[in-house]
PDB file of N, CA and C in Angstrom:
ATOM      1  N   UNK A   1     -18.047-168.814  62.551  1.00  0.00           N
ATOM      2  CA  UNK A   1     -18.261-169.136  61.166  1.00  0.00           C
ATOM      3  C   UNK A   1     -19.727-168.900  60.846  1.00  0.00           C
ATOM      4  N   UNK A   2     -20.007-168.099  59.793  1.00  0.00           N
ATOM      5  CA  UNK A   2     -21.371-167.752  59.444  1.00  0.00           C
ATOM      6  C   UNK A   2     -22.092-168.856  58.687  1.00  0.00           C
ATOM      7  N   UNK A   3     -21.421-169.474  57.739  1.00  0.00           N
ATOM      8  CA  UNK A   3     -22.057-170.444  56.870  1.00  0.00           C
ATOM      9  C   UNK A   3     -21.330-171.772  56.952  1.00  0.00           C
ATOM     10  N   UNK A   4     -22.124-172.828  57.042  1.00  0.00           N
ATOM     11  CA  UNK A   4     -21.553-174.160  56.948  1.00  0.00           C
ATOM     12  C   UNK A   4     -21.709-174.634  55.513  1.00  0.00           C
ATOM     13  N   UNK A   5     -20.668-175.214  54.971  1.00  0.00           N
ATOM     14  CA  UNK A   5     -20.635-175.589  53.570  1.00  0.00           C
ATOM     15  C   UNK A   5     -21.193-176.977  53.305  1.00  0.00           C
ATOM     16  N   UNK A   6     -21.743-177.135  52.092  1.00  0.00           N
ATOM     17  CA  UNK A   6     -22.117-178.443  51.576  1.00  0.00           C
ATOM     18  C   UNK A   6     -20.893-178.990  50.852  1.00  0.00           C
ATOM     19  N   UNK A   7     -20.502-180.201  51.216  1.00  0.00           N
ATOM     20  CA  UNK A   7     -19.209-180.736  50.792  1.00  0.00           C
ATOM     21  C   UNK A   7     -19.369-182.100  50.139  1.00  0.00           C
ATOM     22  N   UNK A   8     -18.566-182.306  49.104  1.00  0.00           N
ATOM     23  CA  UNK A   8     -18.375-183.643  48.561  1.00  0.00           C
ATOM     24  C   UNK A   8     -16.948-184.032  48.905  1.00  0.00           C
ATOM     25  N   UNK A   9     -16.779-185.158  49.571  1.00  0.00           N
ATOM     26  CA  UNK A   9     -15.459-185.660  49.944  1.00  0.00           C
ATOM     27  C   UNK A   9     -15.175-186.909  49.133  1.00  0.00           C
ATOM     28  N   UNK A  10     -14.100-186.875  48.366  1.00  0.00           N
ATOM     29  CA  UNK A  10     -13.695-188.039  47.592  1.00  0.00           C
ATOM     30  C   UNK A  10     -12.501-188.652  48.291  1.00  0.00           C
ATOM     31  N   UNK A  11     -12.719-189.832  48.822  1.00  0.00           N
ATOM     32  CA  UNK A  11     -11.647-190.461  49.592  1.00  0.00           C
ATOM     33  C   UNK A  11     -10.873-191.441  48.732  1.00  0.00           C
ATOM     34  N   UNK A  12      -9.593-191.496  48.987  1.00  0.00           N
ATOM     35  CA  UNK A  12      -8.730-192.426  48.274  1.00  0.00           C
ATOM     36  C   UNK A  12      -9.008-193.855  48.694  1.00  0.00           C
ATOM     37  N   UNK A  13      -8.798-194.777  47.766  1.00  0.00           N
ATOM     38  CA  UNK A  13      -9.085-196.187  48.019  1.00  0.00           C
ATOM     39  C   UNK A  13      -8.291-196.745  49.196  1.00  0.00           C
ATOM     40  N   UNK A  14      -7.037-196.391  49.280  1.00  0.00           N
ATOM     41  CA  UNK A  14      -6.171-196.908  50.347  1.00  0.00           C
ATOM     42  C   UNK A  14      -5.780-195.811  51.327  1.00  0.00           C
ATOM     43  N   UNK A  15      -6.678-194.890  51.562  1.00  0.00           N
ATOM     44  CA  UNK A  15      -6.366-193.741  52.398  1.00  0.00           C
ATOM     45  C   UNK A  15      -6.000-194.152  53.819  1.00  0.00           C
ATOM     46  N   UNK A  16      -5.154-193.349  54.417  1.00  0.00           N
ATOM     47  CA  UNK A  16      -4.823-193.538  55.828  1.00  0.00           C
ATOM     48  C   UNK A  16      -5.560-192.509  56.675  1.00  0.00           C
ATOM     49  N   UNK A  17      -6.412-191.702  56.021  1.00  0.00           N
ATOM     50  CA  UNK A  17      -7.169-190.675  56.733  1.00  0.00           C
ATOM     51  C   UNK A  17      -8.409-191.289  57.369  1.00  0.00           C
ATOM     52  N   UNK A  18      -8.780-190.804  58.531  1.00  0.00           N
ATOM     53  CA  UNK A  18      -9.968-191.286  59.231  1.00  0.00           C
ATOM     54  C   UNK A  18     -11.195-190.581  58.658  1.00  0.00           C
ATOM     55  N   UNK A  19     -11.766-191.164  57.617  1.00  0.00           N
ATOM     56  CA  UNK A  19     -12.876-190.511  56.929  1.00  0.00           C
ATOM     57  C   UNK A  19     -14.203-190.639  57.680  1.00  0.00           C
ATOM     58  N   UNK A  20     -14.198-191.302  58.795  1.00  0.00           N
ATOM     59  CA  UNK A  20     -15.394-191.373  59.641  1.00  0.00           C
ATOM     60  C   UNK A  20     -15.324-190.382  60.798  1.00  0.00           C
ATOM     61  N   UNK A  21     -14.410-189.455  60.768  1.00  0.00           N
ATOM     62  CA  UNK A  21     -14.236-188.498  61.846  1.00  0.00           C
ATOM     63  C   UNK A  21     -15.503-187.681  62.077  1.00  0.00           C
ATOM     64  N   UNK A  22     -15.778-187.373  63.313  1.00  0.00           N
ATOM     65  CA  UNK A  22     -16.963-186.575  63.659  1.00  0.00           C
ATOM     66  C   UNK A  22     -16.820-185.113  63.262  1.00  0.00           C
ATOM     67  N   UNK A  23     -15.611-184.706  62.925  1.00  0.00           N
ATOM     68  CA  UNK A  23     -15.378-183.319  62.523  1.00  0.00           C
ATOM     69  C   UNK A  23     -16.211-182.972  61.285  1.00  0.00           C
ATOM     70  N   UNK A  24     -16.419-183.925  60.392  1.00  0.00           N
ATOM     71  CA  UNK A  24     -17.248-183.668  59.220  1.00  0.00           C
ATOM     72  C   UNK A  24     -18.598-183.070  59.614  1.00  0.00           C
ATOM     73  N   UNK A  25     -19.280-183.723  60.536  1.00  0.00           N
ATOM     74  CA  UNK A  25     -20.623-183.265  60.918  1.00  0.00           C
ATOM     75  C   UNK A  25     -20.581-182.031  61.809  1.00  0.00           C
ATOM     76  N   UNK A  26     -19.468-181.796  62.469  1.00  0.00           N
ATOM     77  CA  UNK A  26     -19.351-180.625  63.336  1.00  0.00           C
ATOM     78  C   UNK A  26     -19.113-179.338  62.554  1.00  0.00           C
ATOM     79  N   UNK A  27     -18.352-179.403  61.464  1.00  0.00           N
ATOM     80  CA  UNK A  27     -17.951-178.170  60.796  1.00  0.00           C
ATOM     81  C   UNK A  27     -18.605-177.945  59.437  1.00  0.00           C
ATOM     82  N   UNK A  28     -19.259-178.949  58.861  1.00  0.00           N
ATOM     83  CA  UNK A  28     -19.918-178.787  57.579  1.00  0.00           C
ATOM     84  C   UNK A  28     -21.412-179.040  57.709  1.00  0.00           C
ATOM     85  N   UNK A  29     -22.196-178.416  56.807  1.00  0.00           N
ATOM     86  CA  UNK A  29     -23.644-178.597  56.819  1.00  0.00           C
ATOM     87  C   UNK A  29     -24.000-180.008  56.361  1.00  0.00           C
ATOM     88  N   UNK A  30     -23.625-180.345  55.140  1.00  0.00           N
ATOM     89  CA  UNK A  30     -23.841-181.700  54.635  1.00  0.00           C
ATOM     90  C   UNK A  30     -22.546-182.200  54.019  1.00  0.00           C
ATOM     91  N   UNK A  31     -22.323-183.496  54.151  1.00  0.00           N
ATOM     92  CA  UNK A  31     -21.138-184.123  53.574  1.00  0.00           C
ATOM     93  C   UNK A  31     -21.582-185.382  52.851  1.00  0.00           C
ATOM     94  N   UNK A  32     -21.305-185.424  51.570  1.00  0.00           N
ATOM     95  CA  UNK A  32     -21.490-186.652  50.810  1.00  0.00           C
ATOM     96  C   UNK A  32     -20.105-187.199  50.549  1.00  0.00           C
ATOM     97  N   UNK A  33     -19.995-188.521  50.530  1.00  0.00           N
ATOM     98  CA  UNK A  33     -18.691-189.142  50.307  1.00  0.00           C
ATOM     99  C   UNK A  33     -18.774-190.038  49.076  1.00  0.00           C
ATOM    100  N   UNK A  34     -17.725-189.990  48.291  1.00  0.00           N
ATOM    101  CA  UNK A  34     -17.596-190.865  47.134  1.00  0.00           C
ATOM    102  C   UNK A  34     -16.271-191.604  47.255  1.00  0.00           C
ATOM    103  N   UNK A  35     -16.281-192.855  46.828  1.00  0.00           N
ATOM    104  CA  UNK A  35     -15.064-193.655  46.944  1.00  0.00           C
ATOM    105  C   UNK A  35     -14.363-193.837  45.611  1.00  0.00           C
ATOM    106  N   UNK A  36     -14.961-193.332  44.540  1.00  0.00           N
ATOM    107  CA  UNK A  36     -14.268-193.389  43.259  1.00  0.00           C
ATOM    108  C   UNK A  36     -14.590-192.148  42.442  1.00  0.00           C
ATOM    109  N   UNK A  37     -13.724-191.853  41.496  1.00  0.00           N
ATOM    110  CA  UNK A  37     -13.849-190.610  40.744  1.00  0.00           C
ATOM    111  C   UNK A  37     -15.052-190.607  39.812  1.00  0.00           C
ATOM    112  N   UNK A  38     -15.435-191.763  39.275  1.00  0.00           N
ATOM    113  CA  UNK A  38     -16.605-191.793  38.388  1.00  0.00           C
ATOM    114  C   UNK A  38     -17.870-191.393  39.141  1.00  0.00           C
ATOM    115  N   UNK A  39     -18.052-191.951  40.323  1.00  0.00           N
ATOM    116  CA  UNK A  39     -19.216-191.587  41.138  1.00  0.00           C
ATOM    117  C   UNK A  39     -19.143-190.104  41.512  1.00  0.00           C
ATOM    118  N   UNK A  40     -17.961-189.648  41.863  1.00  0.00           N
ATOM    119  CA  UNK A  40     -17.786-188.251  42.248  1.00  0.00           C
ATOM    120  C   UNK A  40     -18.143-187.321  41.090  1.00  0.00           C
ATOM    121  N   UNK A  41     -17.692-187.633  39.887  1.00  0.00           N
ATOM    122  CA  UNK A  41     -17.996-186.782  38.732  1.00  0.00           C
ATOM    123  C   UNK A  41     -19.497-186.731  38.458  1.00  0.00           C
ATOM    124  N   UNK A  42     -20.192-187.857  38.624  1.00  0.00           N
ATOM    125  CA  UNK A  42     -21.647-187.862  38.443  1.00  0.00           C
ATOM    126  C   UNK A  42     -22.320-186.974  39.482  1.00  0.00           C
ATOM    127  N   UNK A  43     -21.858-187.038  40.725  1.00  0.00           N
ATOM    128  CA  UNK A  43     -22.430-186.193  41.777  1.00  0.00           C
ATOM    129  C   UNK A  43     -22.154-184.715  41.504  1.00  0.00           C
ATOM    130  N   UNK A  44     -20.937-184.397  41.099  1.00  0.00           N
ATOM    131  CA  UNK A  44     -20.572-183.007  40.816  1.00  0.00           C
ATOM    132  C   UNK A  44     -21.402-182.468  39.652  1.00  0.00           C
ATOM    133  N   UNK A  45     -21.662-183.320  38.670  1.00  0.00           N
ATOM    134  CA  UNK A  45     -22.459-182.907  37.515  1.00  0.00           C
ATOM    135  C   UNK A  45     -23.915-182.629  37.898  1.00  0.00           C
ATOM    136  N   UNK A  46     -24.441-183.423  38.826  1.00  0.00           N
ATOM    137  CA  UNK A  46     -25.873-183.331  39.141  1.00  0.00           C
ATOM    138  C   UNK A  46     -26.205-182.433  40.336  1.00  0.00           C
ATOM    139  N   UNK A  47     -25.225-182.076  41.142  1.00  0.00           N
ATOM    140  CA  UNK A  47     -25.489-181.289  42.355  1.00  0.00           C
ATOM    141  C   UNK A  47     -24.523-180.125  42.454  1.00  0.00           C
ATOM    142  N   UNK A  48     -24.859-179.193  43.341  1.00  0.00           N
ATOM    143  CA  UNK A  48     -23.968-178.060  43.608  1.00  0.00           C
ATOM    144  C   UNK A  48     -23.346-178.251  44.993  1.00  0.00           C
ATOM    145  N   UNK A  49     -22.035-178.191  45.030  1.00  0.00           N
ATOM    146  CA  UNK A  49     -21.299-178.280  46.285  1.00  0.00           C
ATOM    147  C   UNK A  49     -20.540-176.980  46.486  1.00  0.00           C
ATOM    148  N   UNK A  50     -20.489-176.525  47.734  1.00  0.00           N
ATOM    149  CA  UNK A  50     -19.675-175.347  48.031  1.00  0.00           C
ATOM    150  C   UNK A  50     -18.198-175.659  47.842  1.00  0.00           C
ATOM    151  N   UNK A  51     -17.830-176.868  48.209  1.00  0.00           N
ATOM    152  CA  UNK A  51     -16.423-177.268  48.071  1.00  0.00           C
ATOM    153  C   UNK A  51     -16.346-178.780  47.870  1.00  0.00           C
ATOM    154  N   UNK A  52     -15.406-179.165  47.018  1.00  0.00           N
ATOM    155  CA  UNK A  52     -15.082-180.576  46.803  1.00  0.00           C
ATOM    156  C   UNK A  52     -13.725-180.801  47.452  1.00  0.00           C
ATOM    157  N   UNK A  53     -13.661-181.761  48.361  1.00  0.00           N
ATOM    158  CA  UNK A  53     -12.412-182.099  49.035  1.00  0.00           C
ATOM    159  C   UNK A  53     -11.940-183.432  48.474  1.00  0.00           C
ATOM    160  N   UNK A  54     -10.764-183.410  47.885  1.00  0.00           N
ATOM    161  CA  UNK A  54     -10.231-184.608  47.251  1.00  0.00           C
ATOM    162  C   UNK A  54      -9.032-185.128  48.025  1.00  0.00           C
ATOM    163  N   UNK A  55      -9.131-186.369  48.464  1.00  0.00           N
ATOM    164  CA  UNK A  55      -8.032-187.033  49.154  1.00  0.00           C
ATOM    165  C   UNK A  55      -7.046-187.534  48.099  1.00  0.00           C
ATOM    166  N   UNK A  56      -6.015-186.747  47.859  1.00  0.00           N
ATOM    167  CA  UNK A  56      -4.983-187.120  46.887  1.00  0.00           C
ATOM    168  C   UNK A  56      -3.727-187.587  47.604  1.00  0.00           C
ATOM    169  N   UNK A  57      -3.881-188.100  48.825  1.00  0.00           N
ATOM    170  CA  UNK A  57      -2.718-188.516  49.611  1.00  0.00           C
ATOM    171  C   UNK A  57      -2.091-189.802  49.087  1.00  0.00           C
ATOM    172  N   UNK A  58      -2.850-190.618  48.371  1.00  0.00           N
ATOM    173  CA  UNK A  58      -2.323-191.897  47.905  1.00  0.00           C
ATOM    174  C   UNK A  58      -1.925-191.830  46.435  1.00  0.00           C
ATOM    175  N   UNK A  59      -2.838-191.434  45.582  1.00  0.00           N
ATOM    176  CA  UNK A  59      -2.616-191.498  44.133  1.00  0.00           C
ATOM    177  C   UNK A  59      -2.607-190.107  43.530  1.00  0.00           C
ATOM    178  N   UNK A  60      -1.462-189.476  43.565  1.00  0.00           N
ATOM    179  CA  UNK A  60      -1.331-188.088  43.115  1.00  0.00           C
ATOM    180  C   UNK A  60      -1.634-187.918  41.624  1.00  0.00           C
ATOM    181  N   UNK A  61      -1.138-188.800  40.758  1.00  0.00           N
ATOM    182  CA  UNK A  61      -1.320-188.610  39.323  1.00  0.00           C
ATOM    183  C   UNK A  61      -2.775-188.693  38.914  1.00  0.00           C
ATOM    184  N   UNK A  62      -3.513-189.653  39.426  1.00  0.00           N
ATOM    185  CA  UNK A  62      -4.942-189.707  39.134  1.00  0.00           C
ATOM    186  C   UNK A  62      -5.652-188.503  39.732  1.00  0.00           C
ATOM    187  N   UNK A  63      -5.131-187.971  40.804  1.00  0.00           N
ATOM    188  CA  UNK A  63      -5.706-186.777  41.414  1.00  0.00           C
ATOM    189  C   UNK A  63      -5.635-185.584  40.483  1.00  0.00           C
ATOM    190  N   UNK A  64      -4.541-185.426  39.774  1.00  0.00           N
ATOM    191  CA  UNK A  64      -4.391-184.318  38.830  1.00  0.00           C
ATOM    192  C   UNK A  64      -5.401-184.468  37.694  1.00  0.00           C
ATOM    193  N   UNK A  65      -5.507-185.657  37.127  1.00  0.00           N
ATOM    194  CA  UNK A  65      -6.467-185.908  36.050  1.00  0.00           C
ATOM    195  C   UNK A  65      -7.885-185.648  36.520  1.00  0.00           C
ATOM    196  N   UNK A  66      -8.196-186.090  37.717  1.00  0.00           N
ATOM    197  CA  UNK A  66      -9.527-185.906  38.280  1.00  0.00           C
ATOM    198  C   UNK A  66      -9.850-184.422  38.458  1.00  0.00           C
ATOM    199  N   UNK A  67      -8.916-183.660  38.982  1.00  0.00           N
ATOM    200  CA  UNK A  67      -9.123-182.220  39.168  1.00  0.00           C
ATOM    201  C   UNK A  67      -9.332-181.541  37.810  1.00  0.00           C
ATOM    202  N   UNK A  68      -8.572-181.955  36.804  1.00  0.00           N
ATOM    203  CA  UNK A  68      -8.755-181.395  35.460  1.00  0.00           C
ATOM    204  C   UNK A  68     -10.161-181.672  34.938  1.00  0.00           C
ATOM    205  N   UNK A  69     -10.687-182.860  35.203  1.00  0.00           N
ATOM    206  CA  UNK A  69     -12.041-183.210  34.765  1.00  0.00           C
ATOM    207  C   UNK A  69     -13.084-182.334  35.463  1.00  0.00           C
ATOM    208  N   UNK A  70     -12.904-182.110  36.749  1.00  0.00           N
ATOM    209  CA  UNK A  70     -13.847-181.255  37.485  1.00  0.00           C
ATOM    210  C   UNK A  70     -13.807-179.837  36.925  1.00  0.00           C
ATOM    211  N   UNK A  71     -12.612-179.297  36.740  1.00  0.00           N
ATOM    212  CA  UNK A  71     -12.462-177.926  36.255  1.00  0.00           C
ATOM    213  C   UNK A  71     -13.039-177.761  34.847  1.00  0.00           C
ATOM    214  N   UNK A  72     -12.963-178.794  34.033  1.00  0.00           N
ATOM    215  CA  UNK A  72     -13.551-178.737  32.692  1.00  0.00           C
ATOM    216  C   UNK A  72     -15.077-178.708  32.787  1.00  0.00           C
ATOM    217  N   UNK A  73     -15.623-179.497  33.702  1.00  0.00           N
ATOM    218  CA  UNK A  73     -17.073-179.576  33.879  1.00  0.00           C
ATOM    219  C   UNK A  73     -17.627-178.328  34.559  1.00  0.00           C
ATOM    220  N   UNK A  74     -16.976-177.896  35.639  1.00  0.00           N
ATOM    221  CA  UNK A  74     -17.424-176.740  36.425  1.00  0.00           C
ATOM    222  C   UNK A  74     -16.208-175.892  36.782  1.00  0.00           C
ATOM    223  N   UNK A  75     -15.832-174.970  35.907  1.00  0.00           N
ATOM    224  CA  UNK A  75     -14.602-174.184  36.118  1.00  0.00           C
ATOM    225  C   UNK A  75     -14.566-173.412  37.432  1.00  0.00           C
ATOM    226  N   UNK A  76     -15.707-173.030  37.965  1.00  0.00           N
ATOM    227  CA  UNK A  76     -15.734-172.235  39.192  1.00  0.00           C
ATOM    228  C   UNK A  76     -15.805-173.080  40.466  1.00  0.00           C
ATOM    229  N   UNK A  77     -15.834-174.407  40.337  1.00  0.00           N
ATOM    230  CA  UNK A  77     -15.947-175.279  41.508  1.00  0.00           C
ATOM    231  C   UNK A  77     -14.746-175.099  42.421  1.00  0.00           C
ATOM    232  N   UNK A  78     -15.014-174.836  43.701  1.00  0.00           N
ATOM    233  CA  UNK A  78     -13.943-174.771  44.702  1.00  0.00           C
ATOM    234  C   UNK A  78     -13.489-176.197  45.007  1.00  0.00           C
ATOM    235  N   UNK A  79     -12.193-176.416  44.937  1.00  0.00           N
ATOM    236  CA  UNK A  79     -11.626-177.738  45.189  1.00  0.00           C
ATOM    237  C   UNK A  79     -10.481-177.595  46.170  1.00  0.00           C
ATOM    238  N   UNK A  80     -10.438-178.523  47.113  1.00  0.00           N
ATOM    239  CA  UNK A  80      -9.313-178.614  48.031  1.00  0.00           C
ATOM    240  C   UNK A  80      -8.717-180.008  47.868  1.00  0.00           C
ATOM    241  N   UNK A  81      -7.418-180.072  47.640  1.00  0.00           N
ATOM    242  CA  UNK A  81      -6.721-181.353  47.536  1.00  0.00           C
ATOM    243  C   UNK A  81      -5.910-181.570  48.801  1.00  0.00           C
ATOM    244  N   UNK A  82      -6.082-182.719  49.384  1.00  0.00           N
ATOM    245  CA  UNK A  82      -5.279-183.126  50.536  1.00  0.00           C
ATOM    246  C   UNK A  82      -4.143-183.987  50.000  1.00  0.00           C
ATOM    247  N   UNK A  83      -2.929-183.554  50.230  1.00  0.00           N
ATOM    248  CA  UNK A  83      -1.762-184.186  49.626  1.00  0.00           C
ATOM    249  C   UNK A  83      -0.798-184.609  50.721  1.00  0.00           C
ATOM    250  N   UNK A  84      -0.169-185.758  50.527  1.00  0.00           N
ATOM    251  CA  UNK A  84       0.795-186.247  51.514  1.00  0.00           C
ATOM    252  C   UNK A  84       2.157-185.604  51.284  1.00  0.00           C
ATOM    253  N   UNK A  85       2.995-185.698  52.284  1.00  0.00           N
ATOM    254  CA  UNK A  85       4.344-185.147  52.191  1.00  0.00           C
ATOM    255  C   UNK A  85       5.144-185.767  51.042  1.00  0.00           C
ATOM    256  N   UNK A  86       4.884-187.028  50.734  1.00  0.00           N
ATOM    257  CA  UNK A  86       5.604-187.709  49.657  1.00  0.00           C
ATOM    258  C   UNK A  86       5.332-187.060  48.294  1.00  0.00           C
ATOM    259  N   UNK A  87       4.166-186.423  48.140  1.00  0.00           N
ATOM    260  CA  UNK A  87       3.793-185.819  46.858  1.00  0.00           C
ATOM    261  C   UNK A  87       4.037-184.316  46.822  1.00  0.00           C
ATOM    262  N   UNK A  88       4.694-183.793  47.819  1.00  0.00           N
ATOM    263  CA  UNK A  88       4.894-182.355  47.935  1.00  0.00           C
ATOM    264  C   UNK A  88       5.586-181.759  46.695  1.00  0.00           C
ATOM    265  N   UNK A  89       6.494-182.494  46.104  1.00  0.00           N
ATOM    266  CA  UNK A  89       7.241-181.977  44.954  1.00  0.00           C
ATOM    267  C   UNK A  89       6.416-181.947  43.668  1.00  0.00           C
ATOM    268  N   UNK A  90       5.227-182.516  43.674  1.00  0.00           N
ATOM    269  CA  UNK A  90       4.380-182.562  42.479  1.00  0.00           C
ATOM    270  C   UNK A  90       3.199-181.600  42.573  1.00  0.00           C
ATOM    271  N   UNK A  91       3.231-180.694  43.533  1.00  0.00           N
ATOM    272  CA  UNK A  91       2.084-179.833  43.791  1.00  0.00           C
ATOM    273  C   UNK A  91       1.851-178.754  42.755  1.00  0.00           C
ATOM    274  N   UNK A  92       2.879-178.355  42.050  1.00  0.00           N
ATOM    275  CA  UNK A  92       2.756-177.225  41.135  1.00  0.00           C
ATOM    276  C   UNK A  92       1.624-177.424  40.124  1.00  0.00           C
ATOM    277  N   UNK A  93       1.474-178.637  39.616  1.00  0.00           N
ATOM    278  CA  UNK A  93       0.425-178.915  38.634  1.00  0.00           C
ATOM    279  C   UNK A  93      -0.956-178.681  39.241  1.00  0.00           C
ATOM    280  N   UNK A  94      -1.182-179.169  40.443  1.00  0.00           N
ATOM    281  CA  UNK A  94      -2.483-179.001  41.098  1.00  0.00           C
ATOM    282  C   UNK A  94      -2.725-177.527  41.417  1.00  0.00           C
ATOM    283  N   UNK A  95      -1.736-176.857  41.919  1.00  0.00           N
ATOM    284  CA  UNK A  95      -1.881-175.441  42.266  1.00  0.00           C
ATOM    285  C   UNK A  95      -2.171-174.617  41.009  1.00  0.00           C
ATOM    286  N   UNK A  96      -1.526-174.949  39.891  1.00  0.00           N
ATOM    287  CA  UNK A  96      -1.769-174.234  38.634  1.00  0.00           C
ATOM    288  C   UNK A  96      -3.209-174.389  38.147  1.00  0.00           C
ATOM    289  N   UNK A  97      -3.894-175.420  38.610  1.00  0.00           N
ATOM    290  CA  UNK A  97      -5.299-175.620  38.245  1.00  0.00           C
ATOM    291  C   UNK A  97      -6.243-174.795  39.124  1.00  0.00           C
ATOM    292  N   UNK A  98      -5.682-174.050  40.050  1.00  0.00           N
ATOM    293  CA  UNK A  98      -6.510-173.206  40.909  1.00  0.00           C
ATOM    294  C   UNK A  98      -7.093-173.935  42.105  1.00  0.00           C
ATOM    295  N   UNK A  99      -6.404-174.942  42.558  1.00  0.00           N
ATOM    296  CA  UNK A  99      -6.874-175.765  43.671  1.00  0.00           C
ATOM    297  C   UNK A  99      -6.151-175.358  44.950  1.00  0.00           C
ATOM    298  N   UNK A 100      -6.895-175.282  46.041  1.00  0.00           N
ATOM    299  CA  UNK A 100      -6.286-175.079  47.353  1.00  0.00           C
ATOM    300  C   UNK A 100      -5.690-176.410  47.788  1.00  0.00           C
ATOM    301  N   UNK A 101      -4.494-176.368  48.314  1.00  0.00           N
ATOM    302  CA  UNK A 101      -3.795-177.593  48.682  1.00  0.00           C
ATOM    303  C   UNK A 101      -3.413-177.552  50.151  1.00  0.00           C
ATOM    304  N   UNK A 102      -3.662-178.669  50.839  1.00  0.00           N
ATOM    305  CA  UNK A 102      -3.195-178.858  52.213  1.00  0.00           C
ATOM    306  C   UNK A 102      -2.276-180.069  52.215  1.00  0.00           C
ATOM    307  N   UNK A 103      -1.049-179.876  52.655  1.00  0.00           N
ATOM    308  CA  UNK A 103      -0.117-180.987  52.805  1.00  0.00           C
ATOM    309  C   UNK A 103      -0.320-181.524  54.211  1.00  0.00           C
ATOM    310  N   UNK A 104      -0.760-182.776  54.295  1.00  0.00           N
ATOM    311  CA  UNK A 104      -1.125-183.307  55.604  1.00  0.00           C
ATOM    312  C   UNK A 104      -0.567-184.703  55.836  1.00  0.00           C
ATOM    313  N   UNK A 105      -0.560-185.045  57.105  1.00  0.00           N
ATOM    314  CA  UNK A 105      -0.346-186.415  57.552  1.00  0.00           C
ATOM    315  C   UNK A 105      -1.699-186.876  58.104  1.00  0.00           C
ATOM    316  N   UNK A 106      -1.870-188.164  58.306  1.00  0.00           N
ATOM    317  CA  UNK A 106      -3.151-188.620  58.853  1.00  0.00           C
ATOM    318  C   UNK A 106      -3.548-187.923  60.160  1.00  0.00           C
ATOM    319  N   UNK A 107      -2.566-187.572  60.978  1.00  0.00           N
ATOM    320  CA  UNK A 107      -2.847-186.913  62.253  1.00  0.00           C
ATOM    321  C   UNK A 107      -3.366-185.489  62.061  1.00  0.00           C
ATOM    322  N   UNK A 108      -3.114-184.898  60.921  1.00  0.00           N
ATOM    323  CA  UNK A 108      -3.510-183.516  60.664  1.00  0.00           C
ATOM    324  C   UNK A 108      -4.841-183.397  59.914  1.00  0.00           C
ATOM    325  N   UNK A 109      -5.538-184.508  59.720  1.00  0.00           N
ATOM    326  CA  UNK A 109      -6.769-184.513  58.941  1.00  0.00           C
ATOM    327  C   UNK A 109      -7.858-183.648  59.570  1.00  0.00           C
ATOM    328  N   UNK A 110      -8.158-183.847  60.845  1.00  0.00           N
ATOM    329  CA  UNK A 110      -9.209-183.062  61.506  1.00  0.00           C
ATOM    330  C   UNK A 110      -8.902-181.558  61.476  1.00  0.00           C
ATOM    331  N   UNK A 111      -7.683-181.129  61.845  1.00  0.00           N
ATOM    332  CA  UNK A 111      -7.390-179.694  61.746  1.00  0.00           C
ATOM    333  C   UNK A 111      -7.498-179.159  60.313  1.00  0.00           C
ATOM    334  N   UNK A 112      -7.147-179.975  59.322  1.00  0.00           N
ATOM    335  CA  UNK A 112      -7.281-179.540  57.930  1.00  0.00           C
ATOM    336  C   UNK A 112      -8.758-179.320  57.577  1.00  0.00           C
ATOM    337  N   UNK A 113      -9.633-180.220  58.026  1.00  0.00           N
ATOM    338  CA  UNK A 113     -11.068-180.057  57.780  1.00  0.00           C
ATOM    339  C   UNK A 113     -11.588-178.777  58.437  1.00  0.00           C
ATOM    340  N   UNK A 114     -11.132-178.512  59.651  1.00  0.00           N
ATOM    341  CA  UNK A 114     -11.551-177.288  60.345  1.00  0.00           C
ATOM    342  C   UNK A 114     -11.064-176.046  59.594  1.00  0.00           C
ATOM    343  N   UNK A 115      -9.855-176.098  59.050  1.00  0.00           N
ATOM    344  CA  UNK A 115      -9.333-174.970  58.279  1.00  0.00           C
ATOM    345  C   UNK A 115     -10.147-174.769  56.994  1.00  0.00           C
ATOM    346  N   UNK A 116     -10.517-175.858  56.350  1.00  0.00           N
ATOM    347  CA  UNK A 116     -11.335-175.767  55.136  1.00  0.00           C
ATOM    348  C   UNK A 116     -12.693-175.162  55.459  1.00  0.00           C
ATOM    349  N   UNK A 117     -13.276-175.574  56.576  1.00  0.00           N
ATOM    350  CA  UNK A 117     -14.583-175.041  56.985  1.00  0.00           C
ATOM    351  C   UNK A 117     -14.510-173.530  57.219  1.00  0.00           C
ATOM    352  N   UNK A 118     -13.355-173.033  57.590  1.00  0.00           N
ATOM    353  CA  UNK A 118     -13.180-171.610  57.850  1.00  0.00           C
ATOM    354  C   UNK A 118     -12.756-170.796  56.636  1.00  0.00           C
ATOM    355  N   UNK A 119     -12.609-171.462  55.491  1.00  0.00           N
ATOM    356  CA  UNK A 119     -12.202-170.733  54.280  1.00  0.00           C
ATOM    357  C   UNK A 119     -13.289-169.774  53.827  1.00  0.00           C
ATOM    358  N   UNK A 120     -12.893-168.702  53.198  1.00  0.00           N
ATOM    359  CA  UNK A 120     -13.821-167.744  52.623  1.00  0.00           C
ATOM    360  C   UNK A 120     -13.984-168.106  51.140  1.00  0.00           C
ATOM    361  N   UNK A 121     -15.022-168.876  50.845  1.00  0.00           N
ATOM    362  CA  UNK A 121     -15.232-169.349  49.483  1.00  0.00           C
ATOM    363  C   UNK A 121     -16.031-168.340  48.675  1.00  0.00           C
ATOM    364  N   UNK A 122     -15.916-168.449  47.357  1.00  0.00           N
ATOM    365  CA  UNK A 122     -16.626-167.548  46.441  1.00  0.00           C
ATOM    366  C   UNK A 122     -18.132-167.768  46.446  1.00  0.00           C
ATOM    367  N   UNK A 123     -18.559-168.967  46.725  1.00  0.00           N
ATOM    368  CA  UNK A 123     -19.982-169.326  46.578  1.00  0.00           C
ATOM    369  C   UNK A 123     -20.898-168.600  47.537  1.00  0.00           C
TER     370      UNK A 123
END
């Protein structure tokens, strides 16, 4: 991998993902974490991130609204949504917004992060 990305990770309030995993520091240059969408939107407005990773495994509907807000603010922002199997049938809306989607279980979190780190982003 040639470039390590600067990442904003928005974790769900009741996430089952291990957001303290060491994979963050191994595969990304910098990682900032936000625990709510308001803080995340302020960070996205004030800084440039190569990719925003949104944990939409718990609250899918708020995830769609949140992605719409990001796209309105920064249409070219690369976004990856992590979605649980339970929300698989609701993915079309997120995909239509131009978001990369990974359907994961908590056990697949680290491999998903590694796959995101290997993406060929526009930035």
